[in-house]
Amino acid sequence: MLDLGWSELMVIGIVALIVVGPKDLPVLFRNMGRFMGKARGMAREFSRAMNDAADESGVRDVAKTFKSATNPIGSALDGVRDAAKSMTDPTAPPRDAGLEEDPSAPDSAADPERDTQRKKIAASTARAAAERHKREAEAAAKRAGEAATKAAALEADLKKDGES
């Protein structure tokens, strides 16, 4: 991480004790702990948003396809194993069950700023996905128009060849 040894941490602790004083040192550590908790929470939220965006764009499907292409026997065995597990235990929760919320994460309802940030991230992710879908639909419509034009030209050539 920061590559600090015990001797460096001891020096930092002694300097903090001298500068801040023994009376305010617990308050400093408490505030540093809160800051670190907020930083970890923001990192977790960012990571979750990126995973959701990856799921939305189909990155995981592509990775699964690559895995099955490189190791078809392993992917077939995974499918058989999953099918056998679902047959023997139909009430088993799905693999991703319980991964939605982190129980150690602070409650987002208690912190409206984090909730607002989460909503902004979700909105921007949804907007980006909608724009991507729109671009894909426009490209597909353009390809369909080009194919229709080409088909009409080929039909005209066929009619002209049939008349000759």
N, C-alpha and C. Protein backbone atom coordinates (compact mmCIF):
# COMPACT_ATOMS: atom_id res chain seq x y z
N MET A 1 0.84 -1.18 0.00
CA MET A 1 0.00 0.00 0.00
C MET A 1 0.88 1.23 0.00
N LEU A 2 1.24 1.77 1.17
CA LEU A 2 2.14 2.91 1.24
C LEU A 2 3.55 2.48 1.58
N ASP A 3 3.74 1.20 1.83
CA ASP A 3 5.05 0.64 2.12
C ASP A 3 5.65 1.28 3.37
N LEU A 4 4.85 1.35 4.45
CA LEU A 4 5.32 1.88 5.72
C LEU A 4 5.63 0.72 6.66
N GLY A 5 6.79 0.79 7.29
CA GLY A 5 7.16 -0.21 8.28
C GLY A 5 6.74 0.23 9.67
N TRP A 6 7.03 -0.64 10.65
CA TRP A 6 6.65 -0.32 12.03
C TRP A 6 7.39 0.91 12.54
N SER A 7 8.63 1.08 12.17
CA SER A 7 9.39 2.24 12.66
C SER A 7 8.79 3.54 12.11
N GLU A 8 8.39 3.56 10.83
CA GLU A 8 7.79 4.77 10.27
C GLU A 8 6.44 5.06 10.93
N LEU A 9 5.65 4.01 11.18
CA LEU A 9 4.37 4.21 11.86
C LEU A 9 4.57 4.74 13.28
N MET A 10 5.62 4.27 13.96
CA MET A 10 5.93 4.75 15.32
C MET A 10 6.27 6.24 15.27
N VAL A 11 7.08 6.65 14.31
CA VAL A 11 7.45 8.07 14.18
C VAL A 11 6.21 8.90 13.90
N ILE A 12 5.35 8.44 12.99
CA ILE A 12 4.12 9.17 12.68
C ILE A 12 3.25 9.29 13.92
N GLY A 13 3.13 8.21 14.69
CA GLY A 13 2.33 8.23 15.91
C GLY A 13 2.87 9.20 16.94
N ILE A 14 4.19 9.24 17.12
CA ILE A 14 4.80 10.16 18.10
C ILE A 14 4.61 11.60 17.66
N VAL A 15 4.81 11.87 16.36
CA VAL A 15 4.61 13.23 15.85
C VAL A 15 3.15 13.64 16.01
N ALA A 16 2.22 12.74 15.73
CA ALA A 16 0.80 13.05 15.90
C ALA A 16 0.48 13.32 17.36
N LEU A 17 1.09 12.55 18.27
CA LEU A 17 0.87 12.76 19.71
C LEU A 17 1.38 14.12 20.14
N ILE A 18 2.52 14.53 19.61
CA ILE A 18 3.10 15.82 19.99
C ILE A 18 2.31 16.97 19.36
N VAL A 19 1.98 16.85 18.08
CA VAL A 19 1.31 17.95 17.38
C VAL A 19 -0.13 18.10 17.84
N VAL A 20 -0.88 17.00 17.88
CA VAL A 20 -2.30 17.06 18.21
C VAL A 20 -2.52 17.10 19.72
N GLY A 21 -1.73 16.34 20.44
CA GLY A 21 -1.89 16.26 21.89
C GLY A 21 -2.70 15.04 22.28
N PRO A 22 -2.45 14.54 23.48
CA PRO A 22 -3.12 13.31 23.90
C PRO A 22 -4.62 13.48 24.09
N LYS A 23 -5.07 14.69 24.33
CA LYS A 23 -6.48 14.94 24.58
C LYS A 23 -7.30 14.81 23.29
N ASP A 24 -6.77 15.34 22.19
CA ASP A 24 -7.51 15.35 20.92
C ASP A 24 -7.14 14.19 20.00
N LEU A 25 -6.21 13.35 20.39
CA LEU A 25 -5.77 12.25 19.53
C LEU A 25 -6.89 11.24 19.25
N PRO A 26 -7.72 10.84 20.24
CA PRO A 26 -8.82 9.92 19.92
C PRO A 26 -9.83 10.51 18.93
N VAL A 27 -10.08 11.83 19.04
CA VAL A 27 -10.99 12.49 18.11
C VAL A 27 -10.41 12.46 16.70
N LEU A 28 -9.10 12.69 16.59
CA LEU A 28 -8.43 12.65 15.29
C LEU A 28 -8.55 11.25 14.69
N PHE A 29 -8.26 10.23 15.49
CA PHE A 29 -8.35 8.86 14.97
C PHE A 29 -9.78 8.50 14.59
N ARG A 30 -10.76 8.97 15.36
CA ARG A 30 -12.15 8.70 15.05
C ARG A 30 -12.54 9.35 13.72
N ASN A 31 -12.12 10.61 13.53
CA ASN A 31 -12.42 11.29 12.27
C ASN A 31 -11.70 10.64 11.09
N MET A 32 -10.47 10.18 11.31
CA MET A 32 -9.76 9.48 10.25
C MET A 32 -10.46 8.17 9.91
N GLY A 33 -10.96 7.48 10.92
CA GLY A 33 -11.71 6.25 10.69
C GLY A 33 -12.98 6.50 9.90
N ARG A 34 -13.69 7.57 10.22
CA ARG A 34 -14.90 7.92 9.46
C ARG A 34 -14.55 8.24 8.01
N PHE A 35 -13.47 9.00 7.83
CA PHE A 35 -13.05 9.33 6.47
C PHE A 35 -12.71 8.08 5.69
N MET A 36 -11.96 7.17 6.30
CA MET A 36 -11.60 5.92 5.62
C MET A 36 -12.85 5.10 5.31
N GLY A 37 -13.81 5.08 6.23
CA GLY A 37 -15.06 4.37 5.97
C GLY A 37 -15.82 4.95 4.80
N LYS A 38 -15.87 6.30 4.73
CA LYS A 38 -16.55 6.94 3.60
C LYS A 38 -15.81 6.65 2.30
N ALA A 39 -14.47 6.68 2.34
CA ALA A 39 -13.70 6.41 1.13
C ALA A 39 -13.93 4.97 0.66
N ARG A 40 -13.94 4.02 1.58
CA ARG A 40 -14.20 2.63 1.21
C ARG A 40 -15.61 2.47 0.66
N GLY A 41 -16.57 3.15 1.28
CA GLY A 41 -17.95 3.09 0.81
C GLY A 41 -18.08 3.64 -0.60
N MET A 42 -17.40 4.76 -0.87
CA MET A 42 -17.45 5.34 -2.21
C MET A 42 -16.78 4.40 -3.22
N ALA A 43 -15.68 3.78 -2.82
CA ALA A 43 -15.00 2.84 -3.71
C ALA A 43 -15.90 1.64 -3.98
N ARG A 44 -16.58 1.16 -2.96
CA ARG A 44 -17.49 0.02 -3.13
C ARG A 44 -18.65 0.41 -4.05
N GLU A 45 -19.18 1.62 -3.88
CA GLU A 45 -20.27 2.10 -4.72
C GLU A 45 -19.82 2.24 -6.18
N PHE A 46 -18.62 2.77 -6.38
CA PHE A 46 -18.06 2.91 -7.73
C PHE A 46 -17.86 1.54 -8.36
N SER A 47 -17.32 0.61 -7.59
CA SER A 47 -17.09 -0.74 -8.09
C SER A 47 -18.41 -1.39 -8.48
N ARG A 48 -19.42 -1.22 -7.67
CA ARG A 48 -20.74 -1.80 -7.96
C ARG A 48 -21.33 -1.17 -9.23
N ALA A 49 -21.16 0.15 -9.39
CA ALA A 49 -21.68 0.82 -10.58
C ALA A 49 -20.96 0.33 -11.84
N MET A 50 -19.65 0.13 -11.73
CA MET A 50 -18.89 -0.36 -12.88
C MET A 50 -19.29 -1.79 -13.23
N ASN A 51 -19.52 -2.62 -12.21
CA ASN A 51 -19.98 -3.99 -12.46
C ASN A 51 -21.36 -3.99 -13.12
N ASP A 52 -22.23 -3.09 -12.66
CA ASP A 52 -23.55 -2.98 -13.28
C ASP A 52 -23.44 -2.53 -14.73
N ALA A 53 -22.54 -1.57 -14.98
CA ALA A 53 -22.35 -1.10 -16.35
C ALA A 53 -21.79 -2.21 -17.23
N ALA A 54 -20.88 -3.00 -16.68
CA ALA A 54 -20.32 -4.12 -17.43
C ALA A 54 -21.40 -5.15 -17.73
N ASP A 55 -22.26 -5.41 -16.74
CA ASP A 55 -23.36 -6.33 -16.98
C ASP A 55 -24.30 -5.80 -18.06
N GLU A 56 -24.55 -4.49 -18.01
CA GLU A 56 -25.45 -3.86 -18.97
C GLU A 56 -24.89 -3.95 -20.39
N SER A 57 -23.58 -3.79 -20.52
CA SER A 57 -22.99 -3.79 -21.86
C SER A 57 -22.67 -5.19 -22.36
N GLY A 58 -22.79 -6.19 -21.51
CA GLY A 58 -22.60 -7.56 -21.96
C GLY A 58 -21.18 -8.05 -21.86
N VAL A 59 -20.34 -7.40 -21.07
CA VAL A 59 -18.95 -7.82 -20.94
C VAL A 59 -18.86 -9.23 -20.34
N ARG A 60 -19.69 -9.50 -19.37
CA ARG A 60 -19.64 -10.81 -18.74
C ARG A 60 -20.07 -11.91 -19.70
N ASP A 61 -21.04 -11.60 -20.57
CA ASP A 61 -21.45 -12.60 -21.57
C ASP A 61 -20.31 -12.89 -22.53
N VAL A 62 -19.59 -11.85 -22.91
CA VAL A 62 -18.46 -12.04 -23.82
C VAL A 62 -17.37 -12.86 -23.13
N ALA A 63 -17.11 -12.56 -21.86
CA ALA A 63 -16.10 -13.32 -21.11
C ALA A 63 -16.51 -14.78 -20.99
N LYS A 64 -17.79 -15.02 -20.76
CA LYS A 64 -18.28 -16.40 -20.66
C LYS A 64 -18.14 -17.11 -22.01
N THR A 65 -18.41 -16.38 -23.09
CA THR A 65 -18.26 -16.96 -24.43
C THR A 65 -16.81 -17.31 -24.70
N PHE A 66 -15.89 -16.41 -24.34
CA PHE A 66 -14.47 -16.70 -24.53
C PHE A 66 -14.05 -17.90 -23.70
N LYS A 67 -14.57 -17.99 -22.49
CA LYS A 67 -14.22 -19.13 -21.64
C LYS A 67 -14.70 -20.43 -22.27
N SER A 68 -15.92 -20.41 -22.77
CA SER A 68 -16.45 -21.63 -23.37
C SER A 68 -15.74 -21.97 -24.67
N ALA A 69 -15.26 -20.94 -25.38
CA ALA A 69 -14.54 -21.20 -26.63
C ALA A 69 -13.15 -21.78 -26.36
N THR A 70 -12.50 -21.32 -25.30
CA THR A 70 -11.16 -21.81 -25.01
C THR A 70 -11.16 -23.13 -24.27
N ASN A 71 -12.21 -23.39 -23.50
CA ASN A 71 -12.27 -24.62 -22.72
C ASN A 71 -13.68 -25.20 -22.84
N PRO A 72 -14.03 -25.81 -23.96
CA PRO A 72 -15.40 -26.29 -24.14
C PRO A 72 -15.77 -27.42 -23.19
N ILE A 73 -14.80 -28.26 -22.85
CA ILE A 73 -15.11 -29.38 -21.93
C ILE A 73 -15.42 -28.84 -20.54
N GLY A 74 -14.62 -27.88 -20.08
CA GLY A 74 -14.85 -27.30 -18.76
C GLY A 74 -16.19 -26.59 -18.68
N SER A 75 -16.54 -25.84 -19.73
CA SER A 75 -17.82 -25.14 -19.71
C SER A 75 -18.98 -26.13 -19.78
N ALA A 76 -18.81 -27.22 -20.52
CA ALA A 76 -19.85 -28.24 -20.58
C ALA A 76 -20.03 -28.90 -19.21
N LEU A 77 -18.90 -29.16 -18.54
CA LEU A 77 -19.00 -29.74 -17.21
C LEU A 77 -19.64 -28.78 -16.22
N ASP A 78 -19.35 -27.48 -16.37
CA ASP A 78 -20.00 -26.49 -15.51
C ASP A 78 -21.51 -26.51 -15.71
N GLY A 79 -21.94 -26.61 -16.97
CA GLY A 79 -23.37 -26.67 -17.26
C GLY A 79 -24.01 -27.91 -16.68
N VAL A 80 -23.33 -29.05 -16.80
CA VAL A 80 -23.86 -30.30 -16.25
C VAL A 80 -23.92 -30.20 -14.73
N ARG A 81 -22.87 -29.65 -14.14
CA ARG A 81 -22.83 -29.50 -12.68
C ARG A 81 -23.96 -28.60 -12.18
N ASP A 82 -24.19 -27.49 -12.87
CA ASP A 82 -25.28 -26.58 -12.48
C ASP A 82 -26.64 -27.25 -12.64
N ALA A 83 -26.82 -27.99 -13.73
CA ALA A 83 -28.09 -28.68 -13.95
C ALA A 83 -28.32 -29.74 -12.88
N ALA A 84 -27.27 -30.49 -12.53
CA ALA A 84 -27.41 -31.51 -11.49
C ALA A 84 -27.73 -30.88 -10.15
N LYS A 85 -27.10 -29.75 -9.87
CA LYS A 85 -27.36 -29.08 -8.60
C LYS A 85 -28.79 -28.56 -8.54
N SER A 86 -29.28 -28.02 -9.65
CA SER A 86 -30.66 -27.52 -9.64
C SER A 86 -31.67 -28.66 -9.57
N MET A 87 -31.31 -29.83 -10.09
CA MET A 87 -32.21 -30.99 -10.02
C MET A 87 -32.28 -31.54 -8.60
N THR A 88 -31.15 -31.58 -7.91
CA THR A 88 -31.12 -32.16 -6.57
C THR A 88 -31.65 -31.21 -5.52
N ASP A 89 -31.47 -29.91 -5.72
CA ASP A 89 -31.92 -28.94 -4.72
C ASP A 89 -32.66 -27.80 -5.43
N PRO A 90 -33.96 -27.97 -5.71
CA PRO A 90 -34.69 -26.94 -6.45
C PRO A 90 -34.89 -25.66 -5.66
N THR A 91 -34.72 -25.71 -4.33
CA THR A 91 -34.91 -24.50 -3.52
C THR A 91 -33.61 -23.77 -3.29
N ALA A 92 -32.53 -24.20 -3.91
CA ALA A 92 -31.24 -23.54 -3.70
C ALA A 92 -31.28 -22.14 -4.28
N PRO A 93 -30.75 -21.17 -3.55
CA PRO A 93 -30.75 -19.80 -4.08
C PRO A 93 -29.77 -19.69 -5.25
N PRO A 94 -30.00 -18.76 -6.15
CA PRO A 94 -29.07 -18.57 -7.26
C PRO A 94 -27.70 -18.14 -6.76
N ARG A 95 -26.70 -18.26 -7.62
CA ARG A 95 -25.33 -17.94 -7.21
C ARG A 95 -25.17 -16.52 -6.70
N ASP A 96 -25.89 -15.59 -7.29
CA ASP A 96 -25.71 -14.20 -6.91
C ASP A 96 -26.70 -13.75 -5.83
N ALA A 97 -27.40 -14.69 -5.21
CA ALA A 97 -28.34 -14.33 -4.15
C ALA A 97 -27.57 -13.80 -2.95
N GLY A 98 -28.07 -12.75 -2.38
CA GLY A 98 -27.45 -12.18 -1.20
C GLY A 98 -26.30 -11.25 -1.50
N LEU A 99 -25.99 -11.02 -2.74
CA LEU A 99 -24.87 -10.15 -3.08
C LEU A 99 -25.32 -8.72 -3.37
N GLU A 100 -26.59 -8.46 -3.28
CA GLU A 100 -27.10 -7.14 -3.61
C GLU A 100 -26.63 -6.08 -2.62
N GLU A 101 -26.74 -6.34 -1.35
CA GLU A 101 -26.39 -5.36 -0.33
C GLU A 101 -25.31 -5.92 0.58
N ASP A 102 -24.38 -5.09 0.93
CA ASP A 102 -23.31 -5.46 1.85
C ASP A 102 -23.78 -5.14 3.26
N PRO A 103 -23.91 -6.14 4.14
CA PRO A 103 -24.42 -5.86 5.48
C PRO A 103 -23.49 -4.98 6.29
N SER A 104 -22.20 -4.96 5.97
CA SER A 104 -21.27 -4.12 6.73
C SER A 104 -21.25 -2.70 6.21
N ALA A 105 -21.91 -2.45 5.07
CA ALA A 105 -21.94 -1.10 4.51
C ALA A 105 -22.88 -0.23 5.33
N PRO A 106 -22.53 1.04 5.49
CA PRO A 106 -23.42 1.92 6.23
C PRO A 106 -24.73 2.12 5.46
N ASP A 107 -25.78 2.37 6.20
CA ASP A 107 -27.11 2.53 5.62
C ASP A 107 -27.15 3.79 4.77
N SER A 108 -27.49 3.64 3.48
CA SER A 108 -27.48 4.79 2.59
C SER A 108 -28.64 5.75 2.90
N ALA A 109 -29.70 5.26 3.56
CA ALA A 109 -30.81 6.14 3.91
C ALA A 109 -30.37 7.12 4.98
N ALA A 110 -29.37 6.74 5.80
CA ALA A 110 -28.90 7.63 6.85
C ALA A 110 -28.02 8.73 6.28
N ASP A 111 -27.47 8.56 5.10
CA ASP A 111 -26.59 9.54 4.49
C ASP A 111 -27.19 9.99 3.15
N PRO A 112 -27.92 11.10 3.15
CA PRO A 112 -28.58 11.53 1.91
C PRO A 112 -27.58 11.91 0.81
N GLU A 113 -26.38 12.34 1.17
CA GLU A 113 -25.39 12.70 0.15
C GLU A 113 -24.97 11.46 -0.65
N ARG A 114 -24.73 10.35 0.04
CA ARG A 114 -24.37 9.11 -0.65
C ARG A 114 -25.53 8.61 -1.50
N ASP A 115 -26.74 8.76 -0.98
CA ASP A 115 -27.91 8.33 -1.73
C ASP A 115 -28.06 9.16 -3.00
N THR A 116 -27.81 10.46 -2.90
CA THR A 116 -27.86 11.33 -4.07
C THR A 116 -26.79 10.94 -5.08
N GLN A 117 -25.59 10.65 -4.59
CA GLN A 117 -24.51 10.23 -5.49
C GLN A 117 -24.85 8.91 -6.17
N ARG A 118 -25.44 7.99 -5.42
CA ARG A 118 -25.83 6.70 -5.98
C ARG A 118 -26.87 6.90 -7.08
N LYS A 119 -27.83 7.78 -6.85
CA LYS A 119 -28.87 8.04 -7.85
C LYS A 119 -28.27 8.70 -9.09
N LYS A 120 -27.29 9.60 -8.91
CA LYS A 120 -26.64 10.24 -10.05
C LYS A 120 -25.89 9.22 -10.89
N ILE A 121 -25.19 8.31 -10.22
CA ILE A 121 -24.43 7.28 -10.93
C ILE A 121 -25.39 6.37 -11.69
N ALA A 122 -26.48 5.98 -11.05
CA ALA A 122 -27.46 5.11 -11.70
C ALA A 122 -28.08 5.81 -12.90
N ALA A 123 -28.38 7.11 -12.76
CA ALA A 123 -28.98 7.86 -13.86
C ALA A 123 -28.01 7.99 -15.03
N SER A 124 -26.74 8.30 -14.73
CA SER A 124 -25.78 8.45 -15.83
C SER A 124 -25.51 7.11 -16.51
N THR A 125 -25.51 6.02 -15.75
CA THR A 125 -25.33 4.70 -16.34
C THR A 125 -26.50 4.35 -17.24
N ALA A 126 -27.71 4.64 -16.78
CA ALA A 126 -28.90 4.36 -17.58
C ALA A 126 -28.92 5.22 -18.84
N ARG A 127 -28.51 6.48 -18.70
CA ARG A 127 -28.46 7.37 -19.85
C ARG A 127 -27.47 6.86 -20.89
N ALA A 128 -26.30 6.45 -20.43
CA ALA A 128 -25.28 5.94 -21.36
C ALA A 128 -25.78 4.67 -22.06
N ALA A 129 -26.46 3.81 -21.33
CA ALA A 129 -26.99 2.58 -21.93
C ALA A 129 -28.06 2.91 -22.97
N ALA A 130 -28.91 3.88 -22.67
CA ALA A 130 -29.96 4.28 -23.61
C ALA A 130 -29.35 4.88 -24.88
N GLU A 131 -28.31 5.70 -24.70
CA GLU A 131 -27.64 6.29 -25.87
C GLU A 131 -26.98 5.20 -26.72
N ARG A 132 -26.37 4.22 -26.07
CA ARG A 132 -25.74 3.12 -26.80
C ARG A 132 -26.79 2.33 -27.58
N HIS A 133 -27.93 2.04 -26.95
CA HIS A 133 -29.01 1.31 -27.62
C HIS A 133 -29.53 2.11 -28.82
N LYS A 134 -29.62 3.43 -28.65
CA LYS A 134 -30.09 4.28 -29.74
C LYS A 134 -29.11 4.23 -30.92
N ARG A 135 -27.80 4.32 -30.62
CA ARG A 135 -26.80 4.25 -31.68
C ARG A 135 -26.86 2.91 -32.39
N GLU A 136 -27.01 1.82 -31.63
CA GLU A 136 -27.10 0.49 -32.23
C GLU A 136 -28.34 0.37 -33.11
N ALA A 137 -29.47 0.93 -32.66
CA ALA A 137 -30.70 0.86 -33.44
C ALA A 137 -30.56 1.67 -34.73
N GLU A 138 -29.92 2.85 -34.65
CA GLU A 138 -29.72 3.66 -35.85
C GLU A 138 -28.81 2.94 -36.83
N ALA A 139 -27.76 2.29 -36.33
CA ALA A 139 -26.85 1.55 -37.21
C ALA A 139 -27.58 0.38 -37.86
N ALA A 140 -28.42 -0.31 -37.11
CA ALA A 140 -29.17 -1.44 -37.66
C ALA A 140 -30.16 -0.95 -38.72
N ALA A 141 -30.80 0.19 -38.49
CA ALA A 141 -31.74 0.74 -39.47
C ALA A 141 -30.99 1.14 -40.74
N LYS A 142 -29.81 1.69 -40.59
CA LYS A 142 -29.01 2.08 -41.75
C LYS A 142 -28.62 0.84 -42.56
N ARG A 143 -28.17 -0.22 -41.87
CA ARG A 143 -27.81 -1.46 -42.55
C ARG A 143 -29.02 -2.07 -43.26
N ALA A 144 -30.20 -2.01 -42.62
CA ALA A 144 -31.41 -2.55 -43.22
C ALA A 144 -31.78 -1.76 -44.47
N GLY A 145 -31.64 -0.44 -44.43
CA GLY A 145 -31.92 0.38 -45.61
C GLY A 145 -30.97 0.07 -46.75
N GLU A 146 -29.68 -0.10 -46.42
CA GLU A 146 -28.70 -0.45 -47.45
C GLU A 146 -29.00 -1.82 -48.05
N ALA A 147 -29.41 -2.77 -47.21
CA ALA A 147 -29.73 -4.11 -47.71
C ALA A 147 -30.97 -4.06 -48.60
N ALA A 148 -31.97 -3.25 -48.26
CA ALA A 148 -33.18 -3.14 -49.07
C ALA A 148 -32.84 -2.52 -50.43
N THR A 149 -31.97 -1.50 -50.41
CA THR A 149 -31.56 -0.87 -51.67
C THR A 149 -30.81 -1.86 -52.55
N LYS A 150 -29.94 -2.62 -51.95
CA LYS A 150 -29.17 -3.62 -52.69
C LYS A 150 -30.09 -4.71 -53.25
N ALA A 151 -31.07 -5.14 -52.45
CA ALA A 151 -32.01 -6.16 -52.91
C ALA A 151 -32.84 -5.64 -54.07
N ALA A 152 -33.25 -4.38 -54.00
CA ALA A 152 -34.03 -3.80 -55.10
C ALA A 152 -33.19 -3.72 -56.38
N ALA A 153 -31.92 -3.37 -56.24
CA ALA A 153 -31.03 -3.30 -57.40
C ALA A 153 -30.85 -4.69 -58.01
N LEU A 154 -30.69 -5.71 -57.16
CA LEU A 154 -30.53 -7.07 -57.66
C LEU A 154 -31.79 -7.56 -58.37
N GLU A 155 -32.96 -7.23 -57.82
CA GLU A 155 -34.22 -7.62 -58.46
C GLU A 155 -34.37 -6.93 -59.81
N ALA A 156 -33.96 -5.67 -59.88
CA ALA A 156 -34.03 -4.95 -61.16
C ALA A 156 -33.10 -5.59 -62.18
N ASP A 157 -31.91 -6.01 -61.75
CA ASP A 157 -30.98 -6.69 -62.65
C ASP A 157 -31.57 -8.02 -63.13
N LEU A 158 -32.24 -8.75 -62.23
CA LEU A 158 -32.86 -10.01 -62.61
C LEU A 158 -33.96 -9.81 -63.64
N LYS A 159 -34.78 -8.78 -63.45
CA LYS A 159 -35.86 -8.49 -64.40
C LYS A 159 -35.29 -8.11 -65.76
N LYS A 160 -34.23 -7.32 -65.73
CA LYS A 160 -33.60 -6.88 -66.98
C LYS A 160 -32.98 -8.09 -67.70
N ASP A 161 -32.34 -9.02 -66.96
CA ASP A 161 -31.76 -10.21 -67.55
C ASP A 161 -32.86 -11.14 -68.08
N GLY A 162 -34.00 -11.18 -67.40
CA GLY A 162 -35.11 -12.04 -67.82
C GLY A 162 -35.74 -11.53 -69.09
N GLU A 163 -35.75 -10.22 -69.33
CA GLU A 163 -36.34 -9.64 -70.53
C GLU A 163 -35.42 -9.83 -71.73
N SER A 164 -34.14 -9.94 -71.51
CA SER A 164 -33.19 -10.06 -72.63
C SER A 164 -33.19 -11.40 -73.26
